[in-house]
Amino acid sequence: MKRLMLIACLAAPFLPVNVQAQQNRVEISITPVTGPVYMLQGGGGNIGVVADPLGVLMIDAMETPSSDQIRAAIKSLPGGERVRILVDTHWHSDHTDGNKSLGLGAAIIAHENVRPLMGGEQDQPGRKAGAGPAAALPNVTYSDRLTVYAGGEEIRLVHYSHAHTDGDTVVFLDKSKVVHMGDMFFNGRFPFLDVANGGDIDNWVRQIDAILAVLPADSKIIPGHGPLASTADLKAFRQMLYDSAEIVRKEMKEGKTLEQVKAAGLPERFAPWSKGFMSRAGLPQPGETGRQVTPQALTAPSPPPELDSATTTRRR
């Protein structure tokens, strides 16, 4: 089976804003989503919180330096004095480093592929770190799906394999029509694809299709990065992933080299997504046309059946 792949080098100047700003003090904002559900932003990946008098359920934990601000932000919520359950959507430290503080005494839940990654040497774009302390590692793991209860909600944790990583958990709060997608969804920005740890843009596109197929149209979506989103925003992200990879696929089919594909970049219509893992070197300036933007990591997917056509090439 042939896999079409283009992976360009990740350079520190092009890391996303949240990575570059980690050494600066950031403000944590809290946004009511609906009912007992809230979203926190500011110090890493977005946090979801389900208020419960017995102790909150928290989805992701940002970076440890933001922990005091996070505690202050949720203190006034029912159960906000205690994190009873902490869900790690995947292993990346901008979502899990806060486990060291916020996860103490909590049930820390993640997919079974996450614990060994967090417990080993961590090598991520722009940073390397040693193994996480035992107290900050997930102490409850699951293989396919798991249900937990908080805030009057039946909360479903579902693993979607080989997408952003191979340890992604999507958290469904069906009663409230809310879903926290972790880094399965970067709202309005180009994502990082963790190929080294099971990420695959082919499956990523397909897994988003599977999620969209079961989401009510009026669902509210907490992305891993970016503002609170709608299903329309998720569809736009999915299409951007697919379209960018199709461009790479076409150029590879034409026999272009890696360097040629990187030099060509993407059309300027992709410029609005450049807040994330995309080089700004070729961004169009006001009044300019014909400039290119360059993705830093792409794996060309096989098109899902509904997008197949005579002009697309399927994997063999």
C-alpha atoms as a PDB file:
ATOM      1  CA  MET A   1       0.000   0.000   0.000  1.00  0.00           C
ATOM      2  CA  LYS A   2       1.543   3.252  -1.115  1.00  0.00           C
ATOM      3  CA  ARG A   3       1.357   6.224   1.208  1.00  0.00           C
ATOM      4  CA  LEU A   4       1.786   9.707  -0.248  1.00  0.00           C
ATOM      5  CA  MET A   5       3.594  11.970   2.209  1.00  0.00           C
ATOM      6  CA  LEU A   6       5.258  15.344   2.340  1.00  0.00           C
ATOM      7  CA  ILE A   7       6.882  16.397   5.606  1.00  0.00           C
ATOM      8  CA  ALA A   8       8.794  19.677   5.641  1.00  0.00           C
ATOM      9  CA  CYS A   9      11.108  20.708   8.481  1.00  0.00           C
ATOM     10  CA  LEU A  10       9.505  22.527  11.410  1.00  0.00           C
ATOM     11  CA  ALA A  11      11.375  25.737  12.196  1.00  0.00           C
ATOM     12  CA  ALA A  12      11.082  27.574  15.514  1.00  0.00           C
ATOM     13  CA  PRO A  13      10.122  30.962  14.001  1.00  0.00           C
ATOM     14  CA  PHE A  14       7.002  29.366  12.565  1.00  0.00           C
ATOM     15  CA  LEU A  15       5.667  27.743  15.708  1.00  0.00           C
ATOM     16  CA  PRO A  16       2.091  28.674  16.609  1.00  0.00           C
ATOM     17  CA  VAL A  17       1.430  31.655  18.812  1.00  0.00           C
ATOM     18  CA  ASN A  18       0.660  29.597  21.914  1.00  0.00           C
ATOM     19  CA  VAL A  19       4.095  27.917  21.755  1.00  0.00           C
ATOM     20  CA  GLN A  20       6.010  31.152  21.271  1.00  0.00           C
ATOM     21  CA  ALA A  21       4.189  32.915  24.105  1.00  0.00           C
ATOM     22  CA  GLN A  22       4.568  30.275  26.776  1.00  0.00           C
ATOM     23  CA  GLN A  23       7.378  32.118  28.540  1.00  0.00           C
ATOM     24  CA  ASN A  24       5.195  35.209  28.923  1.00  0.00           C
ATOM     25  CA  ARG A  25       2.441  35.563  31.467  1.00  0.00           C
ATOM     26  CA  VAL A  26      -0.904  35.036  29.782  1.00  0.00           C
ATOM     27  CA  GLU A  27      -4.428  35.851  30.850  1.00  0.00           C
ATOM     28  CA  ILE A  28      -6.941  33.032  31.179  1.00  0.00           C
ATOM     29  CA  SER A  29     -10.419  33.797  29.878  1.00  0.00           C
ATOM     30  CA  ILE A  30     -13.525  31.759  30.707  1.00  0.00           C
ATOM     31  CA  THR A  31     -16.468  31.521  28.322  1.00  0.00           C
ATOM     32  CA  PRO A  32     -19.854  30.001  29.210  1.00  0.00           C
ATOM     33  CA  VAL A  33     -20.728  27.488  26.510  1.00  0.00           C
ATOM     34  CA  THR A  34     -24.087  26.142  27.649  1.00  0.00           C
ATOM     35  CA  GLY A  35     -25.516  24.782  30.909  1.00  0.00           C
ATOM     36  CA  PRO A  36     -22.670  23.517  33.134  1.00  0.00           C
ATOM     37  CA  VAL A  37     -20.093  23.659  30.322  1.00  0.00           C
ATOM     38  CA  TYR A  38     -17.389  26.332  30.062  1.00  0.00           C
ATOM     39  CA  MET A  39     -14.326  26.951  27.879  1.00  0.00           C
ATOM     40  CA  LEU A  40     -11.005  28.373  29.111  1.00  0.00           C
ATOM     41  CA  GLN A  41      -8.391  29.912  26.815  1.00  0.00           C
ATOM     42  CA  GLY A  42      -5.016  31.538  27.199  1.00  0.00           C
ATOM     43  CA  GLY A  43      -2.198  29.303  28.443  1.00  0.00           C
ATOM     44  CA  GLY A  44      -2.031  26.463  25.908  1.00  0.00           C
ATOM     45  CA  GLY A  45      -4.685  24.255  24.370  1.00  0.00           C
ATOM     46  CA  ASN A  46      -8.293  25.139  25.132  1.00  0.00           C
ATOM     47  CA  ILE A  47      -9.782  23.675  28.315  1.00  0.00           C
ATOM     48  CA  GLY A  48     -13.335  22.440  28.691  1.00  0.00           C
ATOM     49  CA  VAL A  49     -14.924  22.438  32.156  1.00  0.00           C
ATOM     50  CA  VAL A  50     -18.111  20.739  33.340  1.00  0.00           C
ATOM     51  CA  ALA A  51     -19.234  22.272  36.639  1.00  0.00           C
ATOM     52  CA  ASP A  52     -20.398  19.797  39.284  1.00  0.00           C
ATOM     53  CA  PRO A  53     -20.851  20.294  43.049  1.00  0.00           C
ATOM     54  CA  LEU A  54     -18.782  17.138  43.662  1.00  0.00           C
ATOM     55  CA  GLY A  55     -15.857  18.580  41.728  1.00  0.00           C
ATOM     56  CA  VAL A  56     -15.420  19.718  38.151  1.00  0.00           C
ATOM     57  CA  LEU A  57     -14.591  17.584  35.168  1.00  0.00           C
ATOM     58  CA  MET A  58     -11.789  19.263  33.234  1.00  0.00           C
ATOM     59  CA  ILE A  59     -10.804  18.495  29.652  1.00  0.00           C
ATOM     60  CA  ASP A  60      -7.095  19.252  29.134  1.00  0.00           C
ATOM     61  CA  ALA A  61      -4.923  21.270  31.503  1.00  0.00           C
ATOM     62  CA  MET A  62      -2.820  23.754  29.504  1.00  0.00           C
ATOM     63  CA  GLU A  63       0.698  24.543  30.832  1.00  0.00           C
ATOM     64  CA  THR A  64       1.705  24.361  34.497  1.00  0.00           C
ATOM     65  CA  PRO A  65       2.597  28.096  34.747  1.00  0.00           C
ATOM     66  CA  SER A  66      -1.072  28.881  34.072  1.00  0.00           C
ATOM     67  CA  SER A  67      -2.456  26.552  36.749  1.00  0.00           C
ATOM     68  CA  ASP A  68      -3.005  29.224  39.410  1.00  0.00           C
ATOM     69  CA  GLN A  69      -4.887  31.397  36.935  1.00  0.00           C
ATOM     70  CA  ILE A  70      -6.973  28.415  35.838  1.00  0.00           C
ATOM     71  CA  ARG A  71      -7.895  27.641  39.448  1.00  0.00           C
ATOM     72  CA  ALA A  72      -8.886  31.260  39.982  1.00  0.00           C
ATOM     73  CA  ALA A  73     -11.006  31.240  36.814  1.00  0.00           C
ATOM     74  CA  ILE A  74     -13.043  28.185  37.841  1.00  0.00           C
ATOM     75  CA  LYS A  75     -13.190  28.874  41.594  1.00  0.00           C
ATOM     76  CA  SER A  76     -16.653  30.429  41.427  1.00  0.00           C
ATOM     77  CA  LEU A  77     -18.150  27.503  39.485  1.00  0.00           C
ATOM     78  CA  PRO A  78     -20.038  24.736  41.325  1.00  0.00           C
ATOM     79  CA  GLY A  79     -17.329  22.308  42.478  1.00  0.00           C
ATOM     80  CA  GLY A  80     -14.629  24.668  41.233  1.00  0.00           C
ATOM     81  CA  GLU A  81     -12.466  24.139  44.305  1.00  0.00           C
ATOM     82  CA  ARG A  82     -11.672  20.608  43.167  1.00  0.00           C
ATOM     83  CA  VAL A  83     -10.794  18.914  39.869  1.00  0.00           C
ATOM     84  CA  ARG A  84     -12.417  15.506  40.272  1.00  0.00           C
ATOM     85  CA  ILE A  85     -11.848  14.178  36.745  1.00  0.00           C
ATOM     86  CA  LEU A  86      -9.233  15.360  34.240  1.00  0.00           C
ATOM     87  CA  VAL A  87      -9.376  14.149  30.642  1.00  0.00           C
ATOM     88  CA  ASP A  88      -6.286  14.414  28.429  1.00  0.00           C
ATOM     89  CA  THR A  89      -7.383  14.620  24.786  1.00  0.00           C
ATOM     90  CA  HIS A  90      -3.863  13.635  23.649  1.00  0.00           C
ATOM     91  CA  TRP A  91      -0.286  13.706  24.883  1.00  0.00           C
ATOM     92  CA  HIS A  92       1.100  17.094  23.753  1.00  0.00           C
ATOM     93  CA  SER A  93       2.372  19.180  26.636  1.00  0.00           C
ATOM     94  CA  ASP A  94       0.445  22.365  25.814  1.00  0.00           C
ATOM     95  CA  HIS A  95      -2.607  20.272  26.809  1.00  0.00           C
ATOM     96  CA  THR A  96      -1.144  18.059  29.544  1.00  0.00           C
ATOM     97  CA  ASP A  97       1.678  19.884  31.341  1.00  0.00           C
ATOM     98  CA  GLY A  98      -0.879  21.311  33.760  1.00  0.00           C
ATOM     99  CA  ASN A  99      -1.578  17.776  34.991  1.00  0.00           C
ATOM    100  CA  LYS A 100       1.341  18.310  37.375  1.00  0.00           C
ATOM    101  CA  SER A 101      -0.749  20.785  39.342  1.00  0.00           C
ATOM    102  CA  LEU A 102      -4.392  20.425  38.337  1.00  0.00           C
ATOM    103  CA  GLY A 103      -4.372  16.628  38.173  1.00  0.00           C
ATOM    104  CA  LEU A 104      -3.155  15.935  41.709  1.00  0.00           C
ATOM    105  CA  GLY A 105      -5.785  13.804  43.430  1.00  0.00           C
ATOM    106  CA  ALA A 106      -7.912  13.575  40.292  1.00  0.00           C
ATOM    107  CA  ALA A 107      -8.801  10.679  38.059  1.00  0.00           C
ATOM    108  CA  ILE A 108      -6.687  11.479  34.981  1.00  0.00           C
ATOM    109  CA  ILE A 109      -8.176   9.763  31.948  1.00  0.00           C
ATOM    110  CA  ALA A 110      -6.665   9.309  28.486  1.00  0.00           C
ATOM    111  CA  HIS A 111      -6.462   6.833  25.656  1.00  0.00           C
ATOM    112  CA  GLU A 112      -4.071   3.979  26.360  1.00  0.00           C
ATOM    113  CA  ASN A 113      -1.529   5.266  23.800  1.00  0.00           C
ATOM    114  CA  VAL A 114      -1.125   8.535  25.708  1.00  0.00           C
ATOM    115  CA  ARG A 115       0.354   7.321  29.003  1.00  0.00           C
ATOM    116  CA  PRO A 116       3.535   5.760  27.547  1.00  0.00           C
ATOM    117  CA  LEU A 117       4.213   8.878  25.466  1.00  0.00           C
ATOM    118  CA  MET A 118       3.824  11.153  28.475  1.00  0.00           C
ATOM    119  CA  GLY A 119       5.946   8.792  30.548  1.00  0.00           C
ATOM    120  CA  GLY A 120       8.875   8.853  28.128  1.00  0.00           C
ATOM    121  CA  GLU A 121      11.219  11.446  26.683  1.00  0.00           C
ATOM    122  CA  GLN A 122       9.078  14.038  24.944  1.00  0.00           C
ATOM    123  CA  ASP A 123      10.218  15.476  21.622  1.00  0.00           C
ATOM    124  CA  GLN A 124       7.787  17.987  20.175  1.00  0.00           C
ATOM    125  CA  PRO A 125       8.247  20.832  17.679  1.00  0.00           C
ATOM    126  CA  GLY A 126      10.296  23.542  19.322  1.00  0.00           C
ATOM    127  CA  ARG A 127      10.725  21.724  22.623  1.00  0.00           C
ATOM    128  CA  LYS A 128      12.176  18.649  24.250  1.00  0.00           C
ATOM    129  CA  ALA A 129      11.401  17.495  27.754  1.00  0.00           C
ATOM    130  CA  GLY A 130      12.034  14.567  30.027  1.00  0.00           C
ATOM    131  CA  ALA A 131       9.431  12.065  31.130  1.00  0.00           C
ATOM    132  CA  GLY A 132       6.473  13.450  33.039  1.00  0.00           C
ATOM    133  CA  PRO A 133       6.265  12.695  36.786  1.00  0.00           C
ATOM    134  CA  ALA A 134       4.229   9.640  37.727  1.00  0.00           C
ATOM    135  CA  ALA A 135       1.606  11.731  39.551  1.00  0.00           C
ATOM    136  CA  ALA A 136       0.879  13.668  36.331  1.00  0.00           C
ATOM    137  CA  LEU A 137       0.379  10.629  34.099  1.00  0.00           C
ATOM    138  CA  PRO A 138      -3.060   9.259  33.235  1.00  0.00           C
ATOM    139  CA  ASN A 139      -4.133   6.833  35.950  1.00  0.00           C
ATOM    140  CA  VAL A 140      -7.163   5.597  33.999  1.00  0.00           C
ATOM    141  CA  THR A 141      -6.826   4.554  30.360  1.00  0.00           C
ATOM    142  CA  TYR A 142      -9.227   3.113  27.809  1.00  0.00           C
ATOM    143  CA  SER A 143      -8.947   1.521  24.369  1.00  0.00           C
ATOM    144  CA  ASP A 144     -12.024   2.492  22.365  1.00  0.00           C
ATOM    145  CA  ARG A 145     -14.602   4.429  24.372  1.00  0.00           C
ATOM    146  CA  LEU A 146     -15.482   5.272  27.944  1.00  0.00           C
ATOM    147  CA  THR A 147     -18.408   6.990  29.667  1.00  0.00           C
ATOM    148  CA  VAL A 148     -18.072   9.227  32.725  1.00  0.00           C
ATOM    149  CA  TYR A 149     -20.628  11.334  34.567  1.00  0.00           C
ATOM    150  CA  ALA A 150     -20.475  14.937  35.791  1.00  0.00           C
ATOM    151  CA  GLY A 151     -22.763  17.951  35.954  1.00  0.00           C
ATOM    152  CA  GLY A 152     -25.824  15.877  35.143  1.00  0.00           C
ATOM    153  CA  GLU A 153     -24.178  14.856  31.876  1.00  0.00           C
ATOM    154  CA  GLU A 154     -23.389  11.447  30.432  1.00  0.00           C
ATOM    155  CA  ILE A 155     -20.019  12.234  28.907  1.00  0.00           C
ATOM    156  CA  ARG A 156     -18.667   9.982  26.174  1.00  0.00           C
ATOM    157  CA  LEU A 157     -14.942   9.691  25.520  1.00  0.00           C
ATOM    158  CA  VAL A 158     -14.271   8.258  22.062  1.00  0.00           C
ATOM    159  CA  HIS A 159     -10.905   7.402  20.506  1.00  0.00           C
ATOM    160  CA  TYR A 160     -10.372   8.396  16.867  1.00  0.00           C
ATOM    161  CA  SER A 161      -7.238   6.630  15.669  1.00  0.00           C
ATOM    162  CA  HIS A 162      -4.447   7.964  13.453  1.00  0.00           C
ATOM    163  CA  ALA A 163      -5.678  11.538  13.127  1.00  0.00           C
ATOM    164  CA  HIS A 164      -3.730  14.389  14.769  1.00  0.00           C
ATOM    165  CA  THR A 165      -1.919  11.663  16.762  1.00  0.00           C
ATOM    166  CA  ASP A 166      -2.781   8.038  17.523  1.00  0.00           C
ATOM    167  CA  GLY A 167      -4.055   8.896  20.988  1.00  0.00           C
ATOM    168  CA  ASP A 168      -6.809  11.407  20.242  1.00  0.00           C
ATOM    169  CA  THR A 169      -9.895  11.515  22.447  1.00  0.00           C
ATOM    170  CA  VAL A 170     -13.028  13.425  21.443  1.00  0.00           C
ATOM    171  CA  VAL A 171     -15.357  14.260  24.332  1.00  0.00           C
ATOM    172  CA  PHE A 172     -19.100  14.278  23.591  1.00  0.00           C
ATOM    173  CA  LEU A 173     -21.619  15.953  25.912  1.00  0.00           C
ATOM    174  CA  ASP A 174     -24.744  14.884  24.063  1.00  0.00           C
ATOM    175  CA  LYS A 175     -27.272  16.434  26.436  1.00  0.00           C
ATOM    176  CA  SER A 176     -25.734  19.886  26.026  1.00  0.00           C
ATOM    177  CA  LYS A 177     -24.858  19.375  22.331  1.00  0.00           C
ATOM    178  CA  VAL A 178     -21.221  20.202  23.044  1.00  0.00           C
ATOM    179  CA  VAL A 179     -18.094  18.389  21.864  1.00  0.00           C
ATOM    180  CA  HIS A 180     -14.460  19.012  22.841  1.00  0.00           C
ATOM    181  CA  MET A 181     -12.233  17.852  19.989  1.00  0.00           C
ATOM    182  CA  GLY A 182      -8.781  18.564  21.368  1.00  0.00           C
ATOM    183  CA  ASP A 183      -6.289  19.029  18.543  1.00  0.00           C
ATOM    184  CA  MET A 184      -8.460  17.077  16.164  1.00  0.00           C
ATOM    185  CA  PHE A 185      -9.670  20.621  15.374  1.00  0.00           C
ATOM    186  CA  PHE A 186      -7.652  23.844  15.079  1.00  0.00           C
ATOM    187  CA  ASN A 187     -10.281  26.519  14.472  1.00  0.00           C
ATOM    188  CA  GLY A 188      -9.103  29.007  11.852  1.00  0.00           C
ATOM    189  CA  ARG A 189      -5.474  27.898  11.748  1.00  0.00           C
ATOM    190  CA  PHE A 190      -3.234  25.345  10.060  1.00  0.00           C
ATOM    191  CA  PRO A 191      -2.538  22.395  12.374  1.00  0.00           C
ATOM    192  CA  PHE A 192       0.446  20.351  13.420  1.00  0.00           C
ATOM    193  CA  LEU A 193       0.313  16.742  12.243  1.00  0.00           C
ATOM    194  CA  ASP A 194       2.191  14.416  14.627  1.00  0.00           C
ATOM    195  CA  VAL A 195       3.318  11.874  12.038  1.00  0.00           C
ATOM    196  CA  ALA A 196       5.967  10.492  14.391  1.00  0.00           C
ATOM    197  CA  ASN A 197       3.257   9.385  16.806  1.00  0.00           C
ATOM    198  CA  GLY A 198       0.608   7.979  14.499  1.00  0.00           C
ATOM    199  CA  GLY A 199      -0.833  11.112  12.911  1.00  0.00           C
ATOM    200  CA  ASP A 200      -2.130  10.652   9.376  1.00  0.00           C
ATOM    201  CA  ILE A 201      -3.988  13.291   7.388  1.00  0.00           C
ATOM    202  CA  ASP A 202      -5.808  10.598   5.427  1.00  0.00           C
ATOM    203  CA  ASN A 203      -7.473   9.269   8.577  1.00  0.00           C
ATOM    204  CA  TRP A 204      -7.768  12.751  10.045  1.00  0.00           C
ATOM    205  CA  VAL A 205     -10.064  13.841   7.217  1.00  0.00           C
ATOM    206  CA  ARG A 206     -12.045  10.619   7.428  1.00  0.00           C
ATOM    207  CA  GLN A 207     -12.379  10.836  11.214  1.00  0.00           C
ATOM    208  CA  ILE A 208     -13.689  14.392  10.989  1.00  0.00           C
ATOM    209  CA  ASP A 209     -16.243  13.133   8.465  1.00  0.00           C
ATOM    210  CA  ALA A 210     -17.279  10.458  10.954  1.00  0.00           C
ATOM    211  CA  ILE A 211     -17.662  13.044  13.731  1.00  0.00           C
ATOM    212  CA  LEU A 212     -19.651  15.432  11.549  1.00  0.00           C
ATOM    213  CA  ALA A 213     -21.988  12.595  10.621  1.00  0.00           C
ATOM    214  CA  VAL A 214     -23.144  12.232  14.246  1.00  0.00           C
ATOM    215  CA  LEU A 215     -23.103  15.864  15.406  1.00  0.00           C
ATOM    216  CA  PRO A 216     -26.351  17.858  15.542  1.00  0.00           C
ATOM    217  CA  ALA A 217     -26.110  20.850  13.218  1.00  0.00           C
ATOM    218  CA  ASP A 218     -26.430  23.273  16.147  1.00  0.00           C
ATOM    219  CA  SER A 219     -23.625  21.698  18.195  1.00  0.00           C
ATOM    220  CA  LYS A 220     -21.059  23.899  19.931  1.00  0.00           C
ATOM    221  CA  ILE A 221     -17.490  22.728  19.444  1.00  0.00           C
ATOM    222  CA  ILE A 222     -14.518  23.448  21.700  1.00  0.00           C
ATOM    223  CA  PRO A 223     -11.434  23.161  19.462  1.00  0.00           C
ATOM    224  CA  GLY A 224      -7.928  22.437  20.664  1.00  0.00           C
ATOM    225  CA  HIS A 225      -6.939  25.932  19.545  1.00  0.00           C
ATOM    226  CA  GLY A 226      -8.970  28.908  18.396  1.00  0.00           C
ATOM    227  CA  PRO A 227     -12.381  30.286  19.360  1.00  0.00           C
ATOM    228  CA  LEU A 228     -15.547  28.370  20.222  1.00  0.00           C
ATOM    229  CA  ALA A 229     -16.807  26.886  16.987  1.00  0.00           C
ATOM    230  CA  SER A 230     -19.810  25.621  15.059  1.00  0.00           C
ATOM    231  CA  THR A 231     -20.206  22.630  12.774  1.00  0.00           C
ATOM    232  CA  ALA A 232     -19.729  25.030   9.841  1.00  0.00           C
ATOM    233  CA  ASP A 233     -16.292  25.954  11.234  1.00  0.00           C
ATOM    234  CA  LEU A 234     -15.372  22.275  11.556  1.00  0.00           C
ATOM    235  CA  LYS A 235     -16.471  21.623   7.969  1.00  0.00           C
ATOM    236  CA  ALA A 236     -14.275  24.504   6.790  1.00  0.00           C
ATOM    237  CA  PHE A 237     -11.271  23.075   8.674  1.00  0.00           C
ATOM    238  CA  ARG A 238     -11.893  19.640   7.235  1.00  0.00           C
ATOM    239  CA  GLN A 239     -12.091  21.031   3.710  1.00  0.00           C
ATOM    240  CA  MET A 240      -8.887  23.004   4.183  1.00  0.00           C
ATOM    241  CA  LEU A 241      -7.062  19.838   5.247  1.00  0.00           C
ATOM    242  CA  TYR A 242      -8.398  17.943   2.271  1.00  0.00           C
ATOM    243  CA  ASP A 243      -7.769  20.700  -0.280  1.00  0.00           C
ATOM    244  CA  SER A 244      -4.211  21.418   0.862  1.00  0.00           C
ATOM    245  CA  ALA A 245      -3.312  17.741   0.694  1.00  0.00           C
ATOM    246  CA  GLU A 246      -4.925  17.408  -2.735  1.00  0.00           C
ATOM    247  CA  ILE A 247      -2.674  20.185  -4.021  1.00  0.00           C
ATOM    248  CA  VAL A 248       0.354  18.288  -2.767  1.00  0.00           C
ATOM    249  CA  ARG A 249      -0.975  15.044  -4.232  1.00  0.00           C
ATOM    250  CA  LYS A 250      -1.382  16.645  -7.661  1.00  0.00           C
ATOM    251  CA  GLU A 251       2.131  18.088  -7.640  1.00  0.00           C
ATOM    252  CA  MET A 252       3.627  14.768  -6.572  1.00  0.00           C
ATOM    253  CA  LYS A 253       1.734  13.040  -9.363  1.00  0.00           C
ATOM    254  CA  GLU A 254       3.344  15.535 -11.752  1.00  0.00           C
ATOM    255  CA  GLY A 255       6.743  14.357 -10.543  1.00  0.00           C
ATOM    256  CA  LYS A 256       7.750  17.446  -8.590  1.00  0.00           C
ATOM    257  CA  THR A 257      10.406  17.079  -5.922  1.00  0.00           C
ATOM    258  CA  LEU A 258       9.915  17.849  -2.242  1.00  0.00           C
ATOM    259  CA  GLU A 259      11.799  21.126  -2.600  1.00  0.00           C
ATOM    260  CA  GLN A 260       9.730  22.126  -5.627  1.00  0.00           C
ATOM    261  CA  VAL A 261       6.484  21.438  -3.796  1.00  0.00           C
ATOM    262  CA  LYS A 262       7.674  23.403  -0.767  1.00  0.00           C
ATOM    263  CA  ALA A 263       8.778  26.300  -2.962  1.00  0.00           C
ATOM    264  CA  ALA A 264       5.420  26.386  -4.745  1.00  0.00           C
ATOM    265  CA  GLY A 265       3.547  26.500  -1.456  1.00  0.00           C
ATOM    266  CA  LEU A 266      -0.223  26.914  -1.363  1.00  0.00           C
ATOM    267  CA  PRO A 267      -2.434  29.477  -3.096  1.00  0.00           C
ATOM    268  CA  GLU A 268      -3.092  32.689  -1.203  1.00  0.00           C
ATOM    269  CA  ARG A 269      -6.642  31.553  -0.392  1.00  0.00           C
ATOM    270  CA  PHE A 270      -4.982  29.542   2.394  1.00  0.00           C
ATOM    271  CA  ALA A 271      -3.554  32.701   3.987  1.00  0.00           C
ATOM    272  CA  PRO A 272      -6.394  32.990   6.566  1.00  0.00           C
ATOM    273  CA  TRP A 273      -5.199  29.669   8.039  1.00  0.00           C
ATOM    274  CA  SER A 274      -1.631  30.904   8.562  1.00  0.00           C
ATOM    275  CA  LYS A 275      -2.006  31.512  12.325  1.00  0.00           C
ATOM    276  CA  GLY A 276      -0.915  27.934  12.931  1.00  0.00           C
ATOM    277  CA  PHE A 277       1.811  25.640  11.587  1.00  0.00           C
ATOM    278  CA  MET A 278       2.374  27.442   8.296  1.00  0.00           C
ATOM    279  CA  SER A 279       5.314  29.541   7.188  1.00  0.00           C
ATOM    280  CA  ARG A 280       4.590  33.251   7.004  1.00  0.00           C
ATOM    281  CA  ALA A 281       7.476  33.838   4.600  1.00  0.00           C
ATOM    282  CA  GLY A 282       5.270  33.799   1.530  1.00  0.00           C
ATOM    283  CA  LEU A 283       2.116  35.370   2.867  1.00  0.00           C
ATOM    284  CA  PRO A 284       0.451  37.847   0.512  1.00  0.00           C
ATOM    285  CA  GLN A 285       0.661  41.433   1.706  1.00  0.00           C
ATOM    286  CA  PRO A 286      -2.180  43.936   1.299  1.00  0.00           C
ATOM    287  CA  GLY A 287      -2.639  44.696  -2.388  1.00  0.00           C
ATOM    288  CA  GLU A 288      -0.368  41.864  -3.520  1.00  0.00           C
ATOM    289  CA  THR A 289      -1.437  38.872  -5.578  1.00  0.00           C
ATOM    290  CA  GLY A 290       0.174  35.656  -6.670  1.00  0.00           C
ATOM    291  CA  ARG A 291       2.111  35.083  -3.446  1.00  0.00           C
ATOM    292  CA  GLN A 292       2.207  31.669  -1.842  1.00  0.00           C
ATOM    293  CA  VAL A 293       1.876  30.255   1.658  1.00  0.00           C
ATOM    294  CA  THR A 294       3.831  27.188   2.664  1.00  0.00           C
ATOM    295  CA  PRO A 295       2.505  24.379   4.863  1.00  0.00           C
ATOM    296  CA  GLN A 296       5.053  22.825   7.165  1.00  0.00           C
ATOM    297  CA  ALA A 297       3.592  19.331   7.304  1.00  0.00           C
ATOM    298  CA  LEU A 298       1.258  17.624   4.884  1.00  0.00           C
ATOM    299  CA  THR A 299       0.344  14.019   4.256  1.00  0.00           C
ATOM    300  CA  ALA A 300      -1.791  13.652   1.169  1.00  0.00           C
ATOM    301  CA  PRO A 301      -4.989  11.707   1.907  1.00  0.00           C
ATOM    302  CA  SER A 302      -7.035   9.368  -0.186  1.00  0.00           C
ATOM    303  CA  PRO A 303     -10.291  11.195  -0.870  1.00  0.00           C
ATOM    304  CA  PRO A 304     -13.366  10.015   1.006  1.00  0.00           C
ATOM    305  CA  PRO A 305     -15.868   8.274  -1.272  1.00  0.00           C
ATOM    306  CA  GLU A 306     -18.211  11.269  -1.521  1.00  0.00           C
ATOM    307  CA  LEU A 307     -15.377  13.421  -2.908  1.00  0.00           C
ATOM    308  CA  ASP A 308     -13.959  10.876  -5.337  1.00  0.00           C
ATOM    309  CA  SER A 309     -13.837  11.883  -8.987  1.00  0.00           C
ATOM    310  CA  ALA A 310     -12.112  11.018 -12.195  1.00  0.00           C
ATOM    311  CA  THR A 311      -9.390  13.541 -11.382  1.00  0.00           C
ATOM    312  CA  THR A 312      -8.442  12.235  -7.925  1.00  0.00           C
ATOM    313  CA  THR A 313      -5.967   9.466  -7.200  1.00  0.00           C
ATOM    314  CA  ARG A 314      -6.838   6.891  -4.598  1.00  0.00           C
ATOM    315  CA  ARG A 315      -4.258   5.092  -2.444  1.00  0.00           C
ATOM    316  CA  ARG A 316      -3.189   1.660  -3.615  1.00  0.00           C
END
